[in-house]
Amino acid sequence: MHLVNARLIVERSPWTLTLSAENLFNKRYNTDYFSAFFAGTPTDVGFPNSPRQLNAKLSVRF
C-alpha cells in the first residue's frame, strides 16, 4: 500500500502560498483491526485512517 502526499509552494515577495495534500488519493484502510473473537465484541472492530486532507496557507512578510 502506498500513500501519496504533496506540497506546492509559490513565493512572490512579500507573500508565500503553500498548498498541501495528505492521502491525496483518499486510500482507505484500518490502522487497527480486532476480530470479534479476540475483542470480545459481537462484531469485528476496526479503526479507519484519516481521510484526504487538503490545506492552504498564505503568509505575508512586512
Protein backbone atom coordinates (compact mmCIF):
# COMPACT_ATOMS: atom_id res chain seq x y z
CA MET A 1 0.00 0.00 0.00
CA HIS A 2 1.29 3.45 -0.89
CA LEU A 3 0.06 6.82 0.32
CA VAL A 4 0.69 9.98 -1.68
CA ASN A 5 1.32 13.34 0.00
CA ALA A 6 2.09 16.51 -1.97
CA ARG A 7 3.16 20.09 -1.31
CA LEU A 8 3.37 23.07 -3.66
CA ILE A 9 4.99 26.34 -2.56
CA VAL A 10 4.75 29.57 -4.56
CA GLU A 11 6.82 32.53 -3.37
CA ARG A 12 6.38 36.08 -4.64
CA SER A 13 7.82 38.75 -2.42
CA PRO A 14 6.28 39.63 0.03
CA TRP A 15 3.90 36.64 0.14
CA THR A 16 4.15 32.84 0.14
CA LEU A 17 1.33 30.46 -0.78
CA THR A 18 1.59 26.84 0.33
CA LEU A 19 -0.86 24.17 -0.89
CA SER A 20 -0.58 20.67 0.54
CA ALA A 21 -2.44 17.37 0.49
CA GLU A 22 -2.18 14.30 2.70
CA ASN A 23 -3.54 10.95 1.49
CA LEU A 24 -4.12 12.59 -1.90
CA PHE A 25 -5.95 9.62 -3.47
CA ASN A 26 -8.06 9.03 -0.33
CA LYS A 27 -6.74 5.49 0.23
CA ARG A 28 -8.88 3.85 2.94
CA TYR A 29 -7.58 1.21 5.35
CA ASN A 30 -7.79 0.28 9.02
CA THR A 31 -4.98 1.48 11.26
CA ASP A 32 -6.02 -1.13 13.84
CA TYR A 33 -8.25 -4.17 13.49
CA PHE A 34 -9.51 -6.68 16.04
CA SER A 35 -11.59 -9.73 15.20
CA ALA A 36 -14.73 -10.26 17.27
CA PHE A 37 -13.21 -13.42 18.76
CA PHE A 38 -10.27 -11.54 20.31
CA ALA A 39 -12.08 -8.25 21.01
CA GLY A 40 -14.92 -9.94 22.87
CA THR A 41 -17.49 -7.97 20.88
CA PRO A 42 -20.40 -9.13 18.70
CA THR A 43 -18.69 -7.81 15.54
CA ASP A 44 -15.18 -7.13 14.29
CA VAL A 45 -13.72 -3.76 15.35
CA GLY A 46 -11.66 -1.58 13.02
CA PHE A 47 -10.30 1.96 13.27
CA PRO A 48 -10.03 3.76 9.90
CA ASN A 49 -7.20 6.06 8.86
CA SER A 50 -7.64 9.77 8.28
CA PRO A 51 -9.34 10.73 5.01
CA ARG A 52 -7.83 13.06 2.41
CA GLN A 53 -6.78 16.40 3.87
CA LEU A 54 -6.25 19.50 1.72
CA ASN A 55 -4.58 22.58 3.18
CA ALA A 56 -3.79 26.12 2.04
CA LYS A 57 -1.61 28.64 3.83
CA LEU A 58 -0.93 32.24 2.83
CA SER A 59 1.91 34.11 4.55
CA VAL A 60 2.78 37.78 4.12
CA ARG A 61 6.03 39.40 5.32
CA PHE A 62 6.09 43.08 6.10
